[in-house]
Amino acid sequence: MRFFKFMAGFAIGLALGWGLAVLFMPQSGREVRRRLQQRWERTLEEARSAAEETRRQAYIRLAELKGVESRQ
């Protein structure tokens, strides 16, 4: 029960803090949306790159394991 109260308070505080930050930031709404869009696109590209690298490493490891099996 305490945990849920803490999380509710945390979420409310987070929302209020975000709202105040947006309200008092010195940029226009258009500028904020543009920067958020750029950040989102950059984050997606980093996630795609990380997934591709992980996939590549998995295929390499799988090939190594298959090579070990065929030698035994």
PDB file of N, CA and C in Angstrom:
ATOM      1  N   MET A   1       0.816  -1.187   0.000  1.00  0.00           N
ATOM      2  CA  MET A   1       0.000   0.000   0.000  1.00  0.00           C
ATOM      3  C   MET A   1       0.864   1.258   0.000  1.00  0.00           C
ATOM      4  N   ARG A   2       1.928   1.229   0.811  1.00  0.00           N
ATOM      5  CA  ARG A   2       2.831   2.376   0.858  1.00  0.00           C
ATOM      6  C   ARG A   2       3.477   2.633  -0.500  1.00  0.00           C
ATOM      7  N   PHE A   3       3.837   1.528  -1.146  1.00  0.00           N
ATOM      8  CA  PHE A   3       4.501   1.641  -2.443  1.00  0.00           C
ATOM      9  C   PHE A   3       3.605   2.342  -3.449  1.00  0.00           C
ATOM     10  N   PHE A   4       2.334   1.984  -3.483  1.00  0.00           N
ATOM     11  CA  PHE A   4       1.407   2.590  -4.438  1.00  0.00           C
ATOM     12  C   PHE A   4       1.186   4.061  -4.131  1.00  0.00           C
ATOM     13  N   LYS A   5       1.121   4.409  -2.848  1.00  0.00           N
ATOM     14  CA  LYS A   5       0.991   5.819  -2.478  1.00  0.00           C
ATOM     15  C   LYS A   5       2.239   6.594  -2.909  1.00  0.00           C
ATOM     16  N   PHE A   6       3.392   5.984  -2.700  1.00  0.00           N
ATOM     17  CA  PHE A   6       4.634   6.628  -3.112  1.00  0.00           C
ATOM     18  C   PHE A   6       4.654   6.833  -4.622  1.00  0.00           C
ATOM     19  N   MET A   7       4.297   5.786  -5.374  1.00  0.00           N
ATOM     20  CA  MET A   7       4.308   5.884  -6.836  1.00  0.00           C
ATOM     21  C   MET A   7       3.293   6.911  -7.330  1.00  0.00           C
ATOM     22  N   ALA A   8       2.134   6.990  -6.700  1.00  0.00           N
ATOM     23  CA  ALA A   8       1.131   7.990  -7.091  1.00  0.00           C
ATOM     24  C   ALA A   8       1.679   9.386  -6.839  1.00  0.00           C
ATOM     25  N   GLY A   9       2.280   9.598  -5.682  1.00  0.00           N
ATOM     26  CA  GLY A   9       2.882  10.901  -5.379  1.00  0.00           C
ATOM     27  C   GLY A   9       4.016  11.231  -6.328  1.00  0.00           C
ATOM     28  N   PHE A  10       4.807  10.247  -6.650  1.00  0.00           N
ATOM     29  CA  PHE A  10       5.909  10.450  -7.587  1.00  0.00           C
ATOM     30  C   PHE A  10       5.382  10.848  -8.959  1.00  0.00           C
ATOM     31  N   ALA A  11       4.354  10.147  -9.438  1.00  0.00           N
ATOM     32  CA  ALA A  11       3.780  10.445 -10.757  1.00  0.00           C
ATOM     33  C   ALA A  11       3.166  11.843 -10.781  1.00  0.00           C
ATOM     34  N   ILE A  12       2.472  12.219  -9.716  1.00  0.00           N
ATOM     35  CA  ILE A  12       1.877  13.556  -9.651  1.00  0.00           C
ATOM     36  C   ILE A  12       2.974  14.610  -9.640  1.00  0.00           C
ATOM     37  N   GLY A  13       4.008  14.398  -8.860  1.00  0.00           N
ATOM     38  CA  GLY A  13       5.129  15.342  -8.814  1.00  0.00           C
ATOM     39  C   GLY A  13       5.838  15.457 -10.150  1.00  0.00           C
ATOM     40  N   LEU A  14       6.002  14.330 -10.807  1.00  0.00           N
ATOM     41  CA  LEU A  14       6.633  14.321 -12.122  1.00  0.00           C
ATOM     42  C   LEU A  14       5.806  15.116 -13.121  1.00  0.00           C
ATOM     43  N   ALA A  15       4.505  14.890 -13.116  1.00  0.00           N
ATOM     44  CA  ALA A  15       3.623  15.603 -14.042  1.00  0.00           C
ATOM     45  C   ALA A  15       3.623  17.105 -13.755  1.00  0.00           C
ATOM     46  N   LEU A  16       3.566  17.477 -12.494  1.00  0.00           N
ATOM     47  CA  LEU A  16       3.594  18.899 -12.139  1.00  0.00           C
ATOM     48  C   LEU A  16       4.923  19.543 -12.526  1.00  0.00           C
ATOM     49  N   GLY A  17       6.003  18.851 -12.265  1.00  0.00           N
ATOM     50  CA  GLY A  17       7.323  19.374 -12.628  1.00  0.00           C
ATOM     51  C   GLY A  17       7.469  19.547 -14.124  1.00  0.00           C
ATOM     52  N   TRP A  18       7.002  18.569 -14.879  1.00  0.00           N
ATOM     53  CA  TRP A  18       7.063  18.667 -16.336  1.00  0.00           C
ATOM     54  C   TRP A  18       6.213  19.828 -16.826  1.00  0.00           C
ATOM     55  N   GLY A  19       5.012  19.961 -16.268  1.00  0.00           N
ATOM     56  CA  GLY A  19       4.121  21.047 -16.669  1.00  0.00           C
ATOM     57  C   GLY A  19       4.730  22.416 -16.389  1.00  0.00           C
ATOM     58  N   LEU A  20       5.328  22.566 -15.236  1.00  0.00           N
ATOM     59  CA  LEU A  20       5.970  23.849 -14.905  1.00  0.00           C
ATOM     60  C   LEU A  20       7.168  24.118 -15.803  1.00  0.00           C
ATOM     61  N   ALA A  21       7.923  23.096 -16.089  1.00  0.00           N
ATOM     62  CA  ALA A  21       9.085  23.281 -16.969  1.00  0.00           C
ATOM     63  C   ALA A  21       8.645  23.729 -18.356  1.00  0.00           C
ATOM     64  N   VAL A  22       7.608  23.110 -18.883  1.00  0.00           N
ATOM     65  CA  VAL A  22       7.106  23.492 -20.205  1.00  0.00           C
ATOM     66  C   VAL A  22       6.541  24.902 -20.165  1.00  0.00           C
ATOM     67  N   LEU A  23       5.845  25.235 -19.090  1.00  0.00           N
ATOM     68  CA  LEU A  23       5.230  26.549 -18.959  1.00  0.00           C
ATOM     69  C   LEU A  23       6.267  27.666 -18.933  1.00  0.00           C
ATOM     70  N   PHE A  24       7.377  27.433 -18.257  1.00  0.00           N
ATOM     71  CA  PHE A  24       8.367  28.491 -18.079  1.00  0.00           C
ATOM     72  C   PHE A  24       9.549  28.430 -19.033  1.00  0.00           C
ATOM     73  N   MET A  25       9.575  27.483 -19.924  1.00  0.00           N
ATOM     74  CA  MET A  25      10.706  27.410 -20.835  1.00  0.00           C
ATOM     75  C   MET A  25      10.649  28.569 -21.838  1.00  0.00           C
ATOM     76  N   PRO A  26      11.793  29.087 -22.212  1.00  0.00           N
ATOM     77  CA  PRO A  26      11.841  30.287 -23.046  1.00  0.00           C
ATOM     78  C   PRO A  26      11.662  30.042 -24.544  1.00  0.00           C
ATOM     79  N   GLN A  27      11.199  28.876 -24.933  1.00  0.00           N
ATOM     80  CA  GLN A  27      11.056  28.563 -26.353  1.00  0.00           C
ATOM     81  C   GLN A  27       9.577  28.518 -26.728  1.00  0.00           C
ATOM     82  N   SER A  28       9.326  28.725 -27.993  1.00  0.00           N
ATOM     83  CA  SER A  28       7.948  28.640 -28.477  1.00  0.00           C
ATOM     84  C   SER A  28       7.515  27.184 -28.551  1.00  0.00           C
ATOM     85  N   GLY A  29       6.214  26.979 -28.646  1.00  0.00           N
ATOM     86  CA  GLY A  29       5.684  25.622 -28.762  1.00  0.00           C
ATOM     87  C   GLY A  29       6.201  24.919 -30.001  1.00  0.00           C
ATOM     88  N   ARG A  30       6.301  25.649 -31.093  1.00  0.00           N
ATOM     89  CA  ARG A  30       6.809  25.070 -32.345  1.00  0.00           C
ATOM     90  C   ARG A  30       8.252  24.592 -32.155  1.00  0.00           C
ATOM     91  N   GLU A  31       9.061  25.397 -31.482  1.00  0.00           N
ATOM     92  CA  GLU A  31      10.463  25.032 -31.241  1.00  0.00           C
ATOM     93  C   GLU A  31      10.552  23.800 -30.341  1.00  0.00           C
ATOM     94  N   VAL A  32       9.725  23.768 -29.317  1.00  0.00           N
ATOM     95  CA  VAL A  32       9.724  22.617 -28.396  1.00  0.00           C
ATOM     96  C   VAL A  32       9.339  21.354 -29.155  1.00  0.00           C
ATOM     97  N   ARG A  33       8.288  21.426 -29.974  1.00  0.00           N
ATOM     98  CA  ARG A  33       7.867  20.250 -30.750  1.00  0.00           C
ATOM     99  C   ARG A  33       8.955  19.802 -31.707  1.00  0.00           C
ATOM    100  N   ARG A  34       9.646  20.752 -32.340  1.00  0.00           N
ATOM    101  CA  ARG A  34      10.718  20.409 -33.273  1.00  0.00           C
ATOM    102  C   ARG A  34      11.848  19.685 -32.537  1.00  0.00           C
ATOM    103  N   ARG A  35      12.227  20.225 -31.367  1.00  0.00           N
ATOM    104  CA  ARG A  35      13.313  19.606 -30.613  1.00  0.00           C
ATOM    105  C   ARG A  35      12.919  18.227 -30.089  1.00  0.00           C
ATOM    106  N   LEU A  36      11.667  18.082 -29.633  1.00  0.00           N
ATOM    107  CA  LEU A  36      11.202  16.776 -29.180  1.00  0.00           C
ATOM    108  C   LEU A  36      11.191  15.773 -30.327  1.00  0.00           C
ATOM    109  N   GLN A  37      10.771  16.214 -31.507  1.00  0.00           N
ATOM    110  CA  GLN A  37      10.760  15.341 -32.681  1.00  0.00           C
ATOM    111  C   GLN A  37      12.178  14.894 -33.037  1.00  0.00           C
ATOM    112  N   GLN A  38      13.117  15.829 -32.997  1.00  0.00           N
ATOM    113  CA  GLN A  38      14.509  15.476 -33.301  1.00  0.00           C
ATOM    114  C   GLN A  38      15.052  14.480 -32.281  1.00  0.00           C
ATOM    115  N   ARG A  39      14.750  14.730 -31.012  1.00  0.00           N
ATOM    116  CA  ARG A  39      15.243  13.834 -29.962  1.00  0.00           C
ATOM    117  C   ARG A  39      14.624  12.439 -30.128  1.00  0.00           C
ATOM    118  N   TRP A  40      13.322  12.389 -30.451  1.00  0.00           N
ATOM    119  CA  TRP A  40      12.645  11.112 -30.666  1.00  0.00           C
ATOM    120  C   TRP A  40      13.274  10.358 -31.827  1.00  0.00           C
ATOM    121  N   GLU A  41      13.514  11.062 -32.931  1.00  0.00           N
ATOM    122  CA  GLU A  41      14.118  10.426 -34.102  1.00  0.00           C
ATOM    123  C   GLU A  41      15.520   9.920 -33.793  1.00  0.00           C
ATOM    124  N   ARG A  42      16.287  10.695 -33.053  1.00  0.00           N
ATOM    125  CA  ARG A  42      17.643  10.286 -32.681  1.00  0.00           C
ATOM    126  C   ARG A  42      17.584   9.046 -31.782  1.00  0.00           C
ATOM    127  N   THR A  43      16.659   9.021 -30.827  1.00  0.00           N
ATOM    128  CA  THR A  43      16.511   7.880 -29.925  1.00  0.00           C
ATOM    129  C   THR A  43      16.112   6.629 -30.697  1.00  0.00           C
ATOM    130  N   LEU A  44      15.178   6.774 -31.633  1.00  0.00           N
ATOM    131  CA  LEU A  44      14.780   5.630 -32.456  1.00  0.00           C
ATOM    132  C   LEU A  44      15.941   5.100 -33.283  1.00  0.00           C
ATOM    133  N   GLU A  45      16.717   5.995 -33.859  1.00  0.00           N
ATOM    134  CA  GLU A  45      17.861   5.569 -34.663  1.00  0.00           C
ATOM    135  C   GLU A  45      18.886   4.830 -33.800  1.00  0.00           C
ATOM    136  N   GLU A  46      19.125   5.330 -32.583  1.00  0.00           N
ATOM    137  CA  GLU A  46      20.052   4.645 -31.683  1.00  0.00           C
ATOM    138  C   GLU A  46      19.521   3.267 -31.304  1.00  0.00           C
ATOM    139  N   ALA A  47      18.217   3.162 -31.072  1.00  0.00           N
ATOM    140  CA  ALA A  47      17.617   1.867 -30.730  1.00  0.00           C
ATOM    141  C   ALA A  47      17.726   0.904 -31.907  1.00  0.00           C
ATOM    142  N   ARG A  48      17.473   1.401 -33.099  1.00  0.00           N
ATOM    143  CA  ARG A  48      17.594   0.540 -34.290  1.00  0.00           C
ATOM    144  C   ARG A  48      19.029   0.064 -34.474  1.00  0.00           C
ATOM    145  N   SER A  49      19.976   0.967 -34.281  1.00  0.00           N
ATOM    146  CA  SER A  49      21.389   0.593 -34.421  1.00  0.00           C
ATOM    147  C   SER A  49      21.778  -0.448 -33.383  1.00  0.00           C
ATOM    148  N   ALA A  50      21.326  -0.253 -32.143  1.00  0.00           N
ATOM    149  CA  ALA A  50      21.646  -1.211 -31.090  1.00  0.00           C
ATOM    150  C   ALA A  50      21.023  -2.568 -31.391  1.00  0.00           C
ATOM    151  N   ALA A  51      19.784  -2.569 -31.885  1.00  0.00           N
ATOM    152  CA  ALA A  51      19.125  -3.834 -32.224  1.00  0.00           C
ATOM    153  C   ALA A  51      19.849  -4.525 -33.363  1.00  0.00           C
ATOM    154  N   GLU A  52      20.255  -3.774 -34.359  1.00  0.00           N
ATOM    155  CA  GLU A  52      20.979  -4.353 -35.493  1.00  0.00           C
ATOM    156  C   GLU A  52      22.322  -4.936 -35.044  1.00  0.00           C
ATOM    157  N   GLU A  53      23.031  -4.238 -34.178  1.00  0.00           N
ATOM    158  CA  GLU A  53      24.311  -4.739 -33.675  1.00  0.00           C
ATOM    159  C   GLU A  53      24.103  -6.008 -32.853  1.00  0.00           C
ATOM    160  N   THR A  54      23.067  -6.021 -32.029  1.00  0.00           N
ATOM    161  CA  THR A  54      22.768  -7.209 -31.231  1.00  0.00           C
ATOM    162  C   THR A  54      22.417  -8.389 -32.130  1.00  0.00           C
ATOM    163  N   ARG A  55      21.634  -8.127 -33.159  1.00  0.00           N
ATOM    164  CA  ARG A  55      21.266  -9.176 -34.117  1.00  0.00           C
ATOM    165  C   ARG A  55      22.517  -9.709 -34.816  1.00  0.00           C
ATOM    166  N   ARG A  56      23.390  -8.809 -35.222  1.00  0.00           N
ATOM    167  CA  ARG A  56      24.620  -9.212 -35.908  1.00  0.00           C
ATOM    168  C   ARG A  56      25.478 -10.085 -34.998  1.00  0.00           C
ATOM    169  N   GLN A  57      25.623  -9.662 -33.736  1.00  0.00           N
ATOM    170  CA  GLN A  57      26.415 -10.433 -32.780  1.00  0.00           C
ATOM    171  C   GLN A  57      25.783 -11.809 -32.523  1.00  0.00           C
ATOM    172  N   ALA A  58      24.456 -11.861 -32.485  1.00  0.00           N
ATOM    173  CA  ALA A  58      23.772 -13.140 -32.265  1.00  0.00           C
ATOM    174  C   ALA A  58      24.029 -14.095 -33.430  1.00  0.00           C
ATOM    175  N   TYR A  59      23.983 -13.575 -34.662  1.00  0.00           N
ATOM    176  CA  TYR A  59      24.255 -14.428 -35.827  1.00  0.00           C
ATOM    177  C   TYR A  59      25.706 -14.922 -35.816  1.00  0.00           C
ATOM    178  N   ILE A  60      26.622 -14.072 -35.426  1.00  0.00           N
ATOM    179  CA  ILE A  60      28.029 -14.479 -35.343  1.00  0.00           C
ATOM    180  C   ILE A  60      28.187 -15.579 -34.299  1.00  0.00           C
ATOM    181  N   ARG A  61      27.572 -15.374 -33.146  1.00  0.00           N
ATOM    182  CA  ARG A  61      27.683 -16.365 -32.071  1.00  0.00           C
ATOM    183  C   ARG A  61      27.036 -17.690 -32.479  1.00  0.00           C
ATOM    184  N   LEU A  62      25.887 -17.599 -33.152  1.00  0.00           N
ATOM    185  CA  LEU A  62      25.212 -18.810 -33.622  1.00  0.00           C
ATOM    186  C   LEU A  62      26.091 -19.571 -34.612  1.00  0.00           C
ATOM    187  N   ALA A  63      26.730 -18.848 -35.524  1.00  0.00           N
ATOM    188  CA  ALA A  63      27.624 -19.487 -36.489  1.00  0.00           C
ATOM    189  C   ALA A  63      28.806 -20.149 -35.776  1.00  0.00           C
ATOM    190  N   GLU A  64      29.320 -19.485 -34.745  1.00  0.00           N
ATOM    191  CA  GLU A  64      30.423 -20.075 -33.978  1.00  0.00           C
ATOM    192  C   GLU A  64      29.974 -21.359 -33.292  1.00  0.00           C
ATOM    193  N   LEU A  65      28.783 -21.333 -32.710  1.00  0.00           N
ATOM    194  CA  LEU A  65      28.277 -22.523 -32.025  1.00  0.00           C
ATOM    195  C   LEU A  65      28.020 -23.656 -33.006  1.00  0.00           C
ATOM    196  N   LYS A  66      27.489 -23.345 -34.160  1.00  0.00           N
ATOM    197  CA  LYS A  66      27.265 -24.378 -35.174  1.00  0.00           C
ATOM    198  C   LYS A  66      28.592 -24.957 -35.638  1.00  0.00           C
ATOM    199  N   GLY A  67      29.621 -24.133 -35.733  1.00  0.00           N
ATOM    200  CA  GLY A  67      30.937 -24.608 -36.133  1.00  0.00           C
ATOM    201  C   GLY A  67      31.526 -25.542 -35.089  1.00  0.00           C
ATOM    202  N   VAL A  68      31.305 -25.246 -33.835  1.00  0.00           N
ATOM    203  CA  VAL A  68      31.800 -26.106 -32.750  1.00  0.00           C
ATOM    204  C   VAL A  68      31.067 -27.434 -32.768  1.00  0.00           C
ATOM    205  N   GLU A  69      29.755 -27.437 -33.018  1.00  0.00           N
ATOM    206  CA  GLU A  69      28.981 -28.673 -33.063  1.00  0.00           C
ATOM    207  C   GLU A  69      29.435 -29.590 -34.185  1.00  0.00           C
ATOM    208  N   SER A  70      29.738 -29.005 -35.345  1.00  0.00           N
ATOM    209  CA  SER A  70      30.109 -29.843 -36.491  1.00  0.00           C
ATOM    210  C   SER A  70      31.505 -30.440 -36.309  1.00  0.00           C
ATOM    211  N   ARG A  71      32.341 -29.821 -35.489  1.00  0.00           N
ATOM    212  CA  ARG A  71      33.684 -30.350 -35.250  1.00  0.00           C
ATOM    213  C   ARG A  71      33.702 -31.487 -34.263  1.00  0.00           C
ATOM    214  N   GLN A  72      32.654 -31.606 -33.442  1.00  0.00           N
ATOM    215  CA  GLN A  72      32.675 -32.635 -32.382  1.00  0.00           C
ATOM    216  C   GLN A  72      32.226 -33.961 -32.869  1.00  0.00           C
TER     217      GLN A  72
END
